[in-house]
């Protein structure tokens, strides 16, 4: 963490001062997750310990490609990135384009018809407003049988009525990974 503007404390303070959207609008092109080494180690650990299908992965809120680069090293097949703020930083680091879709657009069905073997959401799902989380989770459950949430918090905890059941959880270096499996979506009520 050589850049004093890119530390967990400075990012947290910027979120409070500018709001999440304001921070990423200003810093998205040069953003780097200061927890990248921990994310890489955690992904290495869980791909060895858990049975993850890395055939077609969605890197949701992909940042500057921290998870994508780690997953490539672990032998992932096709990886699609999505981030409305950091798509330029993602392209610069990974050499591939990310779609600039928001969580709201995804919740409204922007990804309908797609299928992924795994969705990875690293350091972003805890930023979604709680009121928007059920519908977003429901839509994600339509796309993949597995969702890996990597977070610096205990939040969010996804509920079965939103389409997901917790299968595995681990914490390493204060970074938490939760693997959710597709639940009974047909009977799910995303508004609960």
N, C-alpha and C. Protein backbone atom coordinates (compact mmCIF):
# COMPACT_ATOMS: atom_id res chain seq x y z
N UNK A 1 0.82 -1.17 0.00
CA UNK A 1 0.00 0.00 0.00
C UNK A 1 0.87 1.25 0.00
N UNK A 2 1.55 1.47 -1.08
CA UNK A 2 2.43 2.61 -1.17
C UNK A 2 1.67 3.93 -1.30
N UNK A 3 0.49 3.91 -1.89
CA UNK A 3 -0.30 5.11 -2.13
C UNK A 3 -1.15 5.42 -0.91
N UNK A 4 -0.88 6.53 -0.21
CA UNK A 4 -1.65 6.84 0.99
C UNK A 4 -3.12 7.12 0.69
N UNK A 5 -3.47 7.39 -0.56
CA UNK A 5 -4.86 7.60 -0.94
C UNK A 5 -5.58 6.28 -1.15
N UNK A 6 -4.85 5.19 -1.15
CA UNK A 6 -5.42 3.89 -1.48
C UNK A 6 -5.22 2.89 -0.34
N UNK A 7 -5.59 3.32 0.86
CA UNK A 7 -5.54 2.43 2.02
C UNK A 7 -6.97 2.20 2.48
N UNK A 8 -7.22 1.13 3.22
CA UNK A 8 -8.59 0.89 3.70
C UNK A 8 -9.16 2.08 4.48
N UNK A 9 -8.35 2.70 5.33
CA UNK A 9 -8.85 3.84 6.12
C UNK A 9 -9.14 5.05 5.25
N UNK A 10 -8.28 5.32 4.25
CA UNK A 10 -8.53 6.49 3.39
C UNK A 10 -9.74 6.26 2.50
N UNK A 11 -9.95 5.03 2.04
CA UNK A 11 -11.12 4.73 1.22
C UNK A 11 -12.39 4.83 2.06
N UNK A 12 -12.37 4.30 3.27
CA UNK A 12 -13.53 4.39 4.17
C UNK A 12 -13.87 5.86 4.45
N UNK A 13 -12.87 6.67 4.70
CA UNK A 13 -13.10 8.10 4.95
C UNK A 13 -13.66 8.78 3.70
N UNK A 14 -13.17 8.42 2.53
CA UNK A 14 -13.68 9.00 1.29
C UNK A 14 -15.13 8.59 1.06
N UNK A 15 -15.48 7.33 1.38
CA UNK A 15 -16.88 6.89 1.28
C UNK A 15 -17.77 7.79 2.14
N UNK A 16 -17.32 8.06 3.36
CA UNK A 16 -18.12 8.87 4.28
C UNK A 16 -18.23 10.32 3.79
N UNK A 17 -17.17 10.83 3.22
CA UNK A 17 -17.15 12.23 2.77
C UNK A 17 -17.88 12.41 1.43
N UNK A 18 -17.61 11.52 0.47
CA UNK A 18 -18.12 11.69 -0.89
C UNK A 18 -19.29 10.79 -1.23
N UNK A 19 -19.54 9.80 -0.38
CA UNK A 19 -20.49 8.75 -0.74
C UNK A 19 -19.78 7.74 -1.63
N UNK A 20 -20.33 6.54 -1.70
CA UNK A 20 -19.69 5.48 -2.49
C UNK A 20 -19.64 5.87 -3.97
N UNK A 21 -20.78 6.32 -4.51
CA UNK A 21 -20.82 6.68 -5.94
C UNK A 21 -19.88 7.84 -6.24
N UNK A 22 -19.83 8.82 -5.35
CA UNK A 22 -18.94 9.97 -5.55
C UNK A 22 -17.48 9.56 -5.54
N UNK A 23 -17.12 8.67 -4.62
CA UNK A 23 -15.74 8.19 -4.55
C UNK A 23 -15.34 7.51 -5.85
N UNK A 24 -16.18 6.56 -6.32
CA UNK A 24 -15.81 5.82 -7.52
C UNK A 24 -15.90 6.66 -8.79
N UNK A 25 -16.80 7.64 -8.81
CA UNK A 25 -16.85 8.54 -9.96
C UNK A 25 -15.55 9.32 -10.08
N UNK A 26 -14.99 9.71 -8.93
CA UNK A 26 -13.73 10.47 -8.93
C UNK A 26 -12.49 9.59 -9.07
N UNK A 27 -12.51 8.42 -8.47
CA UNK A 27 -11.30 7.58 -8.37
C UNK A 27 -11.34 6.29 -9.19
N UNK A 28 -12.45 6.01 -9.87
CA UNK A 28 -12.63 4.72 -10.53
C UNK A 28 -11.58 4.36 -11.55
N UNK A 29 -11.10 5.33 -12.31
CA UNK A 29 -10.12 5.03 -13.36
C UNK A 29 -8.76 4.60 -12.81
N UNK A 30 -8.47 4.99 -11.57
CA UNK A 30 -7.17 4.64 -10.99
C UNK A 30 -7.30 3.75 -9.76
N UNK A 31 -8.50 3.26 -9.50
CA UNK A 31 -8.75 2.48 -8.29
C UNK A 31 -7.95 1.18 -8.26
N UNK A 32 -7.44 0.86 -7.08
CA UNK A 32 -6.83 -0.44 -6.77
C UNK A 32 -7.31 -0.83 -5.38
N UNK A 33 -7.77 -2.05 -5.23
CA UNK A 33 -8.21 -2.52 -3.92
C UNK A 33 -6.98 -2.75 -3.06
N UNK A 34 -6.87 -2.06 -1.91
CA UNK A 34 -5.68 -2.24 -1.07
C UNK A 34 -5.59 -3.62 -0.45
N UNK A 35 -6.68 -4.40 -0.53
CA UNK A 35 -6.69 -5.76 0.02
C UNK A 35 -6.36 -6.81 -1.05
N UNK A 36 -5.87 -6.39 -2.20
CA UNK A 36 -5.64 -7.34 -3.28
C UNK A 36 -4.78 -8.54 -2.88
N UNK A 37 -3.68 -8.38 -2.16
CA UNK A 37 -2.90 -9.58 -1.78
C UNK A 37 -3.73 -10.57 -0.96
N UNK A 38 -4.54 -10.07 -0.04
CA UNK A 38 -5.38 -10.96 0.77
C UNK A 38 -6.44 -11.64 -0.09
N UNK A 39 -7.01 -10.90 -1.04
CA UNK A 39 -8.02 -11.47 -1.94
C UNK A 39 -7.39 -12.59 -2.76
N UNK A 40 -6.21 -12.37 -3.27
CA UNK A 40 -5.53 -13.39 -4.09
C UNK A 40 -5.24 -14.65 -3.27
N UNK A 41 -4.73 -14.46 -2.05
CA UNK A 41 -4.45 -15.62 -1.19
C UNK A 41 -5.73 -16.37 -0.84
N UNK A 42 -6.78 -15.62 -0.55
CA UNK A 42 -8.06 -16.24 -0.20
C UNK A 42 -8.62 -17.03 -1.38
N UNK A 43 -8.58 -16.46 -2.58
CA UNK A 43 -9.07 -17.19 -3.75
C UNK A 43 -8.25 -18.46 -4.00
N UNK A 44 -6.95 -18.38 -3.81
CA UNK A 44 -6.10 -19.57 -3.96
C UNK A 44 -6.51 -20.64 -2.96
N UNK A 45 -6.74 -20.22 -1.71
CA UNK A 45 -7.12 -21.16 -0.65
C UNK A 45 -8.47 -21.82 -0.93
N UNK A 46 -9.47 -21.02 -1.27
CA UNK A 46 -10.80 -21.60 -1.42
C UNK A 46 -10.96 -22.40 -2.70
N UNK A 47 -10.23 -22.07 -3.76
CA UNK A 47 -10.32 -22.92 -4.95
C UNK A 47 -9.66 -24.27 -4.69
N UNK A 48 -8.70 -24.32 -3.79
CA UNK A 48 -8.10 -25.60 -3.41
C UNK A 48 -9.01 -26.38 -2.47
N UNK A 49 -9.71 -25.68 -1.56
CA UNK A 49 -10.51 -26.34 -0.53
C UNK A 49 -11.96 -26.61 -0.93
N UNK A 50 -12.53 -25.76 -1.76
CA UNK A 50 -13.94 -25.88 -2.14
C UNK A 50 -14.02 -26.29 -3.60
N UNK A 51 -15.05 -26.92 -3.96
CA UNK A 51 -15.25 -27.34 -5.35
C UNK A 51 -15.93 -26.20 -6.11
N UNK A 52 -15.14 -25.39 -6.79
CA UNK A 52 -15.67 -24.26 -7.55
C UNK A 52 -15.56 -24.55 -9.05
N UNK A 53 -16.63 -24.30 -9.76
CA UNK A 53 -16.61 -24.43 -11.22
C UNK A 53 -16.18 -23.08 -11.79
N UNK A 54 -14.98 -23.02 -12.32
CA UNK A 54 -14.42 -21.78 -12.87
C UNK A 54 -14.56 -21.71 -14.39
N UNK A 55 -15.48 -22.49 -14.94
CA UNK A 55 -15.64 -22.54 -16.39
C UNK A 55 -16.06 -21.22 -17.01
N UNK A 56 -17.07 -20.57 -16.46
CA UNK A 56 -17.54 -19.26 -16.95
C UNK A 56 -17.90 -18.43 -15.74
N UNK A 57 -17.12 -17.41 -15.46
CA UNK A 57 -17.22 -16.63 -14.23
C UNK A 57 -17.66 -15.21 -14.55
N UNK A 58 -18.54 -14.69 -13.71
CA UNK A 58 -18.88 -13.27 -13.74
C UNK A 58 -18.17 -12.61 -12.57
N UNK A 59 -17.28 -11.67 -12.87
CA UNK A 59 -16.62 -10.87 -11.83
C UNK A 59 -17.46 -9.61 -11.68
N UNK A 60 -18.36 -9.64 -10.71
CA UNK A 60 -19.33 -8.58 -10.49
C UNK A 60 -18.72 -7.50 -9.62
N UNK A 61 -18.81 -6.25 -10.05
CA UNK A 61 -18.14 -5.13 -9.38
C UNK A 61 -16.64 -5.42 -9.38
N UNK A 62 -16.11 -5.59 -10.59
CA UNK A 62 -14.78 -6.17 -10.82
C UNK A 62 -13.60 -5.29 -10.43
N UNK A 63 -13.84 -4.05 -10.03
CA UNK A 63 -12.73 -3.19 -9.64
C UNK A 63 -11.71 -3.07 -10.75
N UNK A 64 -10.46 -3.13 -10.40
CA UNK A 64 -9.41 -3.06 -11.42
C UNK A 64 -8.92 -4.44 -11.82
N UNK A 65 -9.74 -5.46 -11.53
CA UNK A 65 -9.41 -6.81 -11.99
C UNK A 65 -8.72 -7.68 -10.97
N UNK A 66 -8.80 -7.32 -9.70
CA UNK A 66 -8.12 -8.10 -8.66
C UNK A 66 -8.52 -9.57 -8.70
N UNK A 67 -9.84 -9.83 -8.69
CA UNK A 67 -10.31 -11.22 -8.71
C UNK A 67 -10.08 -11.86 -10.07
N UNK A 68 -10.32 -11.13 -11.14
CA UNK A 68 -10.12 -11.68 -12.49
C UNK A 68 -8.69 -12.17 -12.68
N UNK A 69 -7.72 -11.36 -12.30
CA UNK A 69 -6.32 -11.75 -12.47
C UNK A 69 -5.98 -12.98 -11.64
N UNK A 70 -6.47 -13.03 -10.41
CA UNK A 70 -6.23 -14.20 -9.56
C UNK A 70 -6.90 -15.43 -10.14
N UNK A 71 -8.14 -15.29 -10.62
CA UNK A 71 -8.86 -16.43 -11.18
C UNK A 71 -8.20 -16.93 -12.46
N UNK A 72 -7.66 -16.04 -13.26
CA UNK A 72 -6.92 -16.46 -14.46
C UNK A 72 -5.76 -17.36 -14.07
N UNK A 73 -5.01 -16.93 -13.04
CA UNK A 73 -3.87 -17.73 -12.57
C UNK A 73 -4.29 -19.09 -12.06
N UNK A 74 -5.54 -19.18 -11.60
CA UNK A 74 -6.06 -20.44 -11.05
C UNK A 74 -6.73 -21.30 -12.12
N UNK A 75 -6.65 -20.87 -13.38
CA UNK A 75 -7.14 -21.68 -14.49
C UNK A 75 -8.58 -21.43 -14.89
N UNK A 76 -9.16 -20.32 -14.51
CA UNK A 76 -10.54 -20.02 -14.90
C UNK A 76 -10.65 -19.94 -16.41
N UNK A 77 -11.81 -20.33 -16.90
CA UNK A 77 -12.09 -20.25 -18.33
C UNK A 77 -12.42 -18.81 -18.71
N UNK A 78 -13.62 -18.59 -19.20
CA UNK A 78 -14.05 -17.24 -19.61
C UNK A 78 -14.49 -16.46 -18.38
N UNK A 79 -14.03 -15.21 -18.29
CA UNK A 79 -14.40 -14.32 -17.19
C UNK A 79 -14.96 -13.04 -17.79
N UNK A 80 -16.16 -12.68 -17.38
CA UNK A 80 -16.77 -11.41 -17.76
C UNK A 80 -16.69 -10.48 -16.57
N UNK A 81 -16.31 -9.22 -16.81
CA UNK A 81 -16.25 -8.22 -15.75
C UNK A 81 -17.37 -7.20 -15.92
N UNK A 82 -17.89 -6.75 -14.79
CA UNK A 82 -18.91 -5.71 -14.78
C UNK A 82 -18.58 -4.74 -13.66
N UNK A 83 -18.53 -3.44 -13.99
CA UNK A 83 -18.36 -2.40 -12.98
C UNK A 83 -18.66 -1.05 -13.62
N UNK A 84 -19.61 -0.29 -13.05
CA UNK A 84 -19.97 0.99 -13.67
C UNK A 84 -18.96 2.10 -13.44
N UNK A 85 -18.02 1.91 -12.53
CA UNK A 85 -17.09 2.97 -12.18
C UNK A 85 -15.65 2.67 -12.55
N UNK A 86 -15.23 1.42 -12.45
CA UNK A 86 -13.81 1.08 -12.61
C UNK A 86 -13.52 0.35 -13.92
N UNK A 87 -14.44 0.38 -14.87
CA UNK A 87 -14.26 -0.39 -16.09
C UNK A 87 -13.00 0.00 -16.85
N UNK A 88 -12.58 1.27 -16.77
CA UNK A 88 -11.34 1.67 -17.45
C UNK A 88 -10.11 1.09 -16.74
N UNK A 89 -10.10 1.11 -15.42
CA UNK A 89 -9.00 0.51 -14.67
C UNK A 89 -8.94 -0.99 -14.92
N UNK A 90 -10.10 -1.61 -15.03
CA UNK A 90 -10.18 -3.05 -15.32
C UNK A 90 -9.57 -3.34 -16.69
N UNK A 91 -9.95 -2.58 -17.69
CA UNK A 91 -9.42 -2.78 -19.04
C UNK A 91 -7.90 -2.58 -19.08
N UNK A 92 -7.42 -1.58 -18.37
CA UNK A 92 -5.98 -1.29 -18.36
C UNK A 92 -5.19 -2.45 -17.75
N UNK A 93 -5.72 -3.06 -16.70
CA UNK A 93 -4.99 -4.14 -16.03
C UNK A 93 -5.19 -5.51 -16.65
N UNK A 94 -6.40 -5.79 -17.14
CA UNK A 94 -6.71 -7.15 -17.59
C UNK A 94 -6.63 -7.32 -19.10
N UNK A 95 -6.68 -6.19 -19.83
CA UNK A 95 -6.68 -6.27 -21.28
C UNK A 95 -8.04 -6.64 -21.87
N UNK A 96 -9.07 -6.64 -21.06
CA UNK A 96 -10.40 -6.92 -21.57
C UNK A 96 -11.39 -5.89 -21.05
N UNK A 97 -12.46 -5.69 -21.80
CA UNK A 97 -13.46 -4.70 -21.44
C UNK A 97 -14.40 -5.25 -20.37
N UNK A 98 -14.82 -4.38 -19.48
CA UNK A 98 -15.87 -4.70 -18.50
C UNK A 98 -17.10 -3.89 -18.88
N UNK A 99 -18.25 -4.46 -18.68
CA UNK A 99 -19.48 -3.74 -18.93
C UNK A 99 -19.73 -2.76 -17.79
N UNK A 100 -20.25 -1.59 -18.12
CA UNK A 100 -20.47 -0.54 -17.13
C UNK A 100 -21.91 -0.57 -16.61
N UNK A 101 -22.30 -1.71 -16.05
CA UNK A 101 -23.66 -1.87 -15.51
C UNK A 101 -23.65 -1.66 -14.01
N UNK A 102 -24.75 -1.06 -13.52
CA UNK A 102 -24.91 -0.85 -12.08
C UNK A 102 -25.66 -2.02 -11.46
N UNK A 103 -25.61 -2.10 -10.14
CA UNK A 103 -26.40 -3.10 -9.42
C UNK A 103 -27.88 -2.91 -9.72
N UNK A 104 -28.31 -1.66 -9.84
CA UNK A 104 -29.72 -1.38 -10.12
C UNK A 104 -30.13 -1.92 -11.48
N UNK A 105 -29.28 -1.76 -12.48
CA UNK A 105 -29.57 -2.28 -13.82
C UNK A 105 -29.62 -3.81 -13.81
N UNK A 106 -28.73 -4.42 -13.07
CA UNK A 106 -28.71 -5.89 -12.97
C UNK A 106 -29.98 -6.36 -12.26
N UNK A 107 -30.37 -5.68 -11.19
CA UNK A 107 -31.59 -6.03 -10.47
C UNK A 107 -32.82 -5.89 -11.37
N UNK A 108 -32.76 -4.99 -12.34
CA UNK A 108 -33.87 -4.78 -13.27
C UNK A 108 -33.84 -5.76 -14.46
N UNK A 109 -32.85 -6.66 -14.48
CA UNK A 109 -32.83 -7.69 -15.51
C UNK A 109 -31.86 -7.48 -16.65
N UNK A 110 -30.89 -6.59 -16.50
CA UNK A 110 -29.94 -6.30 -17.59
C UNK A 110 -29.14 -7.52 -18.05
N UNK A 111 -29.03 -8.54 -17.21
CA UNK A 111 -28.25 -9.73 -17.57
C UNK A 111 -29.13 -10.93 -17.90
N UNK A 112 -30.43 -10.71 -18.06
CA UNK A 112 -31.34 -11.81 -18.37
C UNK A 112 -30.84 -12.62 -19.55
N UNK A 113 -30.95 -13.93 -19.43
CA UNK A 113 -30.56 -14.82 -20.51
C UNK A 113 -29.13 -15.30 -20.44
N UNK A 114 -28.33 -14.74 -19.58
CA UNK A 114 -26.94 -15.18 -19.44
C UNK A 114 -26.85 -16.32 -18.44
N UNK A 115 -25.75 -17.06 -18.53
CA UNK A 115 -25.51 -18.15 -17.58
C UNK A 115 -24.03 -18.18 -17.23
N UNK A 116 -23.76 -18.32 -15.94
CA UNK A 116 -22.39 -18.40 -15.43
C UNK A 116 -22.28 -19.60 -14.50
N UNK A 117 -21.10 -20.19 -14.44
CA UNK A 117 -20.88 -21.28 -13.50
C UNK A 117 -20.64 -20.75 -12.09
N UNK A 118 -20.16 -19.49 -12.00
CA UNK A 118 -19.86 -18.87 -10.71
C UNK A 118 -19.91 -17.36 -10.88
N UNK A 119 -20.49 -16.69 -9.89
CA UNK A 119 -20.43 -15.23 -9.79
C UNK A 119 -19.52 -14.91 -8.61
N UNK A 120 -18.55 -14.05 -8.82
CA UNK A 120 -17.66 -13.58 -7.75
C UNK A 120 -17.93 -12.09 -7.56
N UNK A 121 -18.25 -11.72 -6.33
CA UNK A 121 -18.44 -10.31 -6.01
C UNK A 121 -17.50 -9.98 -4.85
N UNK A 122 -16.46 -9.23 -5.17
CA UNK A 122 -15.41 -8.95 -4.21
C UNK A 122 -15.46 -7.49 -3.75
N UNK A 123 -15.61 -7.30 -2.46
CA UNK A 123 -15.56 -5.98 -1.82
C UNK A 123 -16.58 -5.00 -2.40
N UNK A 124 -17.81 -5.47 -2.65
CA UNK A 124 -18.81 -4.55 -3.20
C UNK A 124 -20.23 -4.82 -2.71
N UNK A 125 -20.60 -6.06 -2.49
CA UNK A 125 -22.00 -6.37 -2.18
C UNK A 125 -22.44 -5.74 -0.86
N UNK A 126 -21.51 -5.53 0.05
CA UNK A 126 -21.85 -4.88 1.33
C UNK A 126 -22.20 -3.41 1.14
N UNK A 127 -21.91 -2.85 -0.03
CA UNK A 127 -22.22 -1.45 -0.32
C UNK A 127 -23.63 -1.25 -0.89
N UNK A 128 -24.30 -2.33 -1.25
CA UNK A 128 -25.65 -2.25 -1.81
C UNK A 128 -26.63 -1.90 -0.68
N UNK A 129 -27.51 -0.95 -0.97
CA UNK A 129 -28.54 -0.60 0.00
C UNK A 129 -29.35 -1.85 0.34
N UNK A 130 -29.60 -2.05 1.62
CA UNK A 130 -30.31 -3.25 2.08
C UNK A 130 -31.65 -3.42 1.37
N UNK A 131 -32.33 -2.33 1.09
CA UNK A 131 -33.64 -2.41 0.42
C UNK A 131 -33.52 -2.92 -1.01
N UNK A 132 -32.36 -2.77 -1.64
CA UNK A 132 -32.16 -3.22 -3.02
C UNK A 132 -31.58 -4.63 -3.10
N UNK A 133 -31.07 -5.13 -2.01
CA UNK A 133 -30.37 -6.41 -2.01
C UNK A 133 -31.25 -7.60 -2.38
N UNK A 134 -32.49 -7.72 -1.89
CA UNK A 134 -33.28 -8.90 -2.24
C UNK A 134 -33.49 -9.09 -3.74
N UNK A 135 -33.87 -8.04 -4.44
CA UNK A 135 -34.11 -8.17 -5.87
C UNK A 135 -32.82 -8.43 -6.63
N UNK A 136 -31.74 -7.79 -6.25
CA UNK A 136 -30.44 -8.05 -6.88
C UNK A 136 -30.06 -9.52 -6.71
N UNK A 137 -30.16 -10.01 -5.48
CA UNK A 137 -29.81 -11.41 -5.22
C UNK A 137 -30.70 -12.37 -5.99
N UNK A 138 -31.97 -12.06 -6.07
CA UNK A 138 -32.90 -12.88 -6.84
C UNK A 138 -32.47 -12.94 -8.30
N UNK A 139 -32.12 -11.79 -8.89
CA UNK A 139 -31.68 -11.76 -10.29
C UNK A 139 -30.38 -12.54 -10.48
N UNK A 140 -29.45 -12.41 -9.54
CA UNK A 140 -28.19 -13.15 -9.64
C UNK A 140 -28.43 -14.66 -9.58
N UNK A 141 -29.43 -15.07 -8.80
CA UNK A 141 -29.76 -16.49 -8.69
C UNK A 141 -30.30 -17.04 -10.00
N UNK A 142 -30.78 -16.17 -10.88
CA UNK A 142 -31.24 -16.61 -12.20
C UNK A 142 -30.08 -16.88 -13.15
N UNK A 143 -28.90 -16.40 -12.79
CA UNK A 143 -27.75 -16.45 -13.69
C UNK A 143 -26.75 -17.56 -13.39
N UNK A 144 -26.72 -18.04 -12.14
CA UNK A 144 -25.65 -18.94 -11.74
C UNK A 144 -26.07 -19.82 -10.57
N UNK A 145 -25.51 -21.02 -10.48
CA UNK A 145 -25.80 -21.87 -9.32
C UNK A 145 -24.94 -21.54 -8.11
N UNK A 146 -23.95 -20.64 -8.26
CA UNK A 146 -23.03 -20.35 -7.16
C UNK A 146 -22.63 -18.88 -7.15
N UNK A 147 -22.57 -18.33 -5.95
CA UNK A 147 -22.18 -16.93 -5.74
C UNK A 147 -21.13 -16.89 -4.64
N UNK A 148 -19.96 -16.36 -4.96
CA UNK A 148 -18.89 -16.21 -3.99
C UNK A 148 -18.80 -14.73 -3.62
N UNK A 149 -19.05 -14.43 -2.35
CA UNK A 149 -19.01 -13.06 -1.85
C UNK A 149 -17.75 -12.92 -1.01
N UNK A 150 -16.90 -11.98 -1.39
CA UNK A 150 -15.68 -11.67 -0.63
C UNK A 150 -15.88 -10.28 -0.06
N UNK A 151 -15.73 -10.16 1.25
CA UNK A 151 -16.09 -8.90 1.91
C UNK A 151 -15.19 -8.63 3.11
N UNK A 152 -14.99 -7.36 3.42
CA UNK A 152 -14.23 -7.00 4.62
C UNK A 152 -15.13 -6.95 5.86
N UNK A 153 -16.39 -7.34 5.70
CA UNK A 153 -17.39 -7.24 6.77
C UNK A 153 -18.10 -8.56 6.97
N UNK A 154 -18.95 -8.60 7.96
CA UNK A 154 -19.87 -9.72 8.10
C UNK A 154 -21.06 -9.53 7.17
N UNK A 155 -21.26 -8.31 6.66
CA UNK A 155 -22.36 -8.04 5.76
C UNK A 155 -21.90 -8.23 4.32
N UNK A 156 -22.80 -8.50 3.45
CA UNK A 156 -24.18 -8.84 3.73
C UNK A 156 -24.32 -10.34 3.98
N UNK A 157 -25.32 -10.70 4.73
CA UNK A 157 -25.67 -12.11 4.87
C UNK A 157 -26.91 -12.32 4.02
N UNK A 158 -26.77 -13.15 3.01
CA UNK A 158 -27.87 -13.37 2.08
C UNK A 158 -28.87 -14.36 2.66
N UNK A 159 -30.11 -14.14 2.35
CA UNK A 159 -31.19 -14.96 2.90
C UNK A 159 -31.70 -15.95 1.86
N UNK A 160 -32.17 -17.08 2.35
CA UNK A 160 -32.64 -18.13 1.43
C UNK A 160 -33.81 -17.66 0.59
N UNK A 161 -34.66 -16.77 1.13
CA UNK A 161 -35.77 -16.29 0.32
C UNK A 161 -35.32 -15.46 -0.86
N UNK A 162 -34.08 -15.05 -0.87
CA UNK A 162 -33.54 -14.28 -1.99
C UNK A 162 -32.91 -15.19 -3.04
N UNK A 163 -32.93 -16.50 -2.79
CA UNK A 163 -32.44 -17.46 -3.77
C UNK A 163 -31.12 -18.12 -3.44
N UNK A 164 -30.56 -17.87 -2.25
CA UNK A 164 -29.22 -18.40 -1.95
C UNK A 164 -29.17 -19.08 -0.60
N UNK A 165 -28.42 -20.18 -0.54
CA UNK A 165 -28.15 -20.92 0.70
C UNK A 165 -26.64 -20.89 0.95
N UNK A 166 -26.24 -20.55 2.16
CA UNK A 166 -24.82 -20.56 2.51
C UNK A 166 -24.29 -21.98 2.51
N UNK A 167 -23.20 -22.22 1.76
CA UNK A 167 -22.58 -23.54 1.71
C UNK A 167 -21.27 -23.58 2.48
N UNK A 168 -20.44 -22.57 2.30
CA UNK A 168 -19.11 -22.54 2.93
C UNK A 168 -18.81 -21.12 3.37
N UNK A 169 -17.96 -21.00 4.39
CA UNK A 169 -17.50 -19.68 4.84
C UNK A 169 -16.13 -19.82 5.45
N UNK A 170 -15.29 -18.83 5.19
CA UNK A 170 -13.97 -18.79 5.80
C UNK A 170 -13.53 -17.33 5.94
N UNK A 171 -12.61 -17.10 6.87
CA UNK A 171 -12.04 -15.77 7.08
C UNK A 171 -10.53 -15.91 7.11
N UNK A 172 -9.87 -15.02 6.38
CA UNK A 172 -8.42 -15.00 6.36
C UNK A 172 -7.96 -13.55 6.28
N UNK A 173 -7.09 -13.15 7.17
CA UNK A 173 -6.56 -11.78 7.19
C UNK A 173 -7.69 -10.74 7.20
N UNK A 174 -8.71 -10.99 7.97
CA UNK A 174 -9.88 -10.11 8.12
C UNK A 174 -10.67 -9.93 6.83
N UNK A 175 -10.48 -10.85 5.90
CA UNK A 175 -11.27 -10.87 4.67
C UNK A 175 -12.11 -12.14 4.72
N UNK A 176 -13.40 -11.97 4.53
CA UNK A 176 -14.36 -13.07 4.64
C UNK A 176 -14.81 -13.52 3.26
N UNK A 177 -14.89 -14.83 3.06
CA UNK A 177 -15.44 -15.40 1.83
C UNK A 177 -16.62 -16.28 2.19
N UNK A 178 -17.73 -16.06 1.50
CA UNK A 178 -18.92 -16.89 1.67
C UNK A 178 -19.31 -17.44 0.32
N UNK A 179 -19.49 -18.75 0.26
CA UNK A 179 -19.96 -19.40 -0.97
C UNK A 179 -21.42 -19.76 -0.77
N UNK A 180 -22.25 -19.19 -1.62
CA UNK A 180 -23.68 -19.47 -1.60
C UNK A 180 -24.03 -20.34 -2.80
N UNK A 181 -24.99 -21.24 -2.58
CA UNK A 181 -25.52 -22.06 -3.67
C UNK A 181 -26.92 -21.61 -3.99
N UNK A 182 -27.29 -21.88 -5.22
CA UNK A 182 -28.61 -21.55 -5.71
C UNK A 182 -29.65 -22.28 -4.85
N UNK A 183 -30.60 -21.52 -4.32
CA UNK A 183 -31.68 -22.10 -3.53
C UNK A 183 -32.92 -22.32 -4.38
N UNK A 184 -34.04 -22.44 -3.74
CA UNK A 184 -35.32 -22.68 -4.41
C UNK A 184 -35.88 -21.36 -4.94
N UNK A 185 -35.32 -20.89 -6.06
CA UNK A 185 -35.67 -19.58 -6.59
C UNK A 185 -37.12 -19.52 -7.05
N UNK A 186 -37.64 -20.59 -7.60
CA UNK A 186 -39.00 -20.56 -8.14
C UNK A 186 -40.01 -20.18 -7.05
N UNK A 187 -39.73 -20.54 -5.82
CA UNK A 187 -40.64 -20.24 -4.72
C UNK A 187 -40.20 -19.03 -3.91
N UNK A 188 -39.11 -18.43 -4.31
CA UNK A 188 -38.56 -17.32 -3.53
C UNK A 188 -39.42 -16.06 -3.69
N UNK A 189 -39.52 -15.32 -2.61
CA UNK A 189 -40.18 -14.02 -2.64
C UNK A 189 -39.09 -12.99 -2.36
N UNK A 190 -38.59 -12.30 -3.40
CA UNK A 190 -37.46 -11.39 -3.20
C UNK A 190 -37.77 -10.18 -2.34
N UNK A 191 -39.02 -9.95 -2.00
CA UNK A 191 -39.40 -8.77 -1.23
C UNK A 191 -39.44 -9.03 0.25
N UNK A 192 -39.12 -10.24 0.71
CA UNK A 192 -39.14 -10.53 2.14
C UNK A 192 -37.93 -9.98 2.81
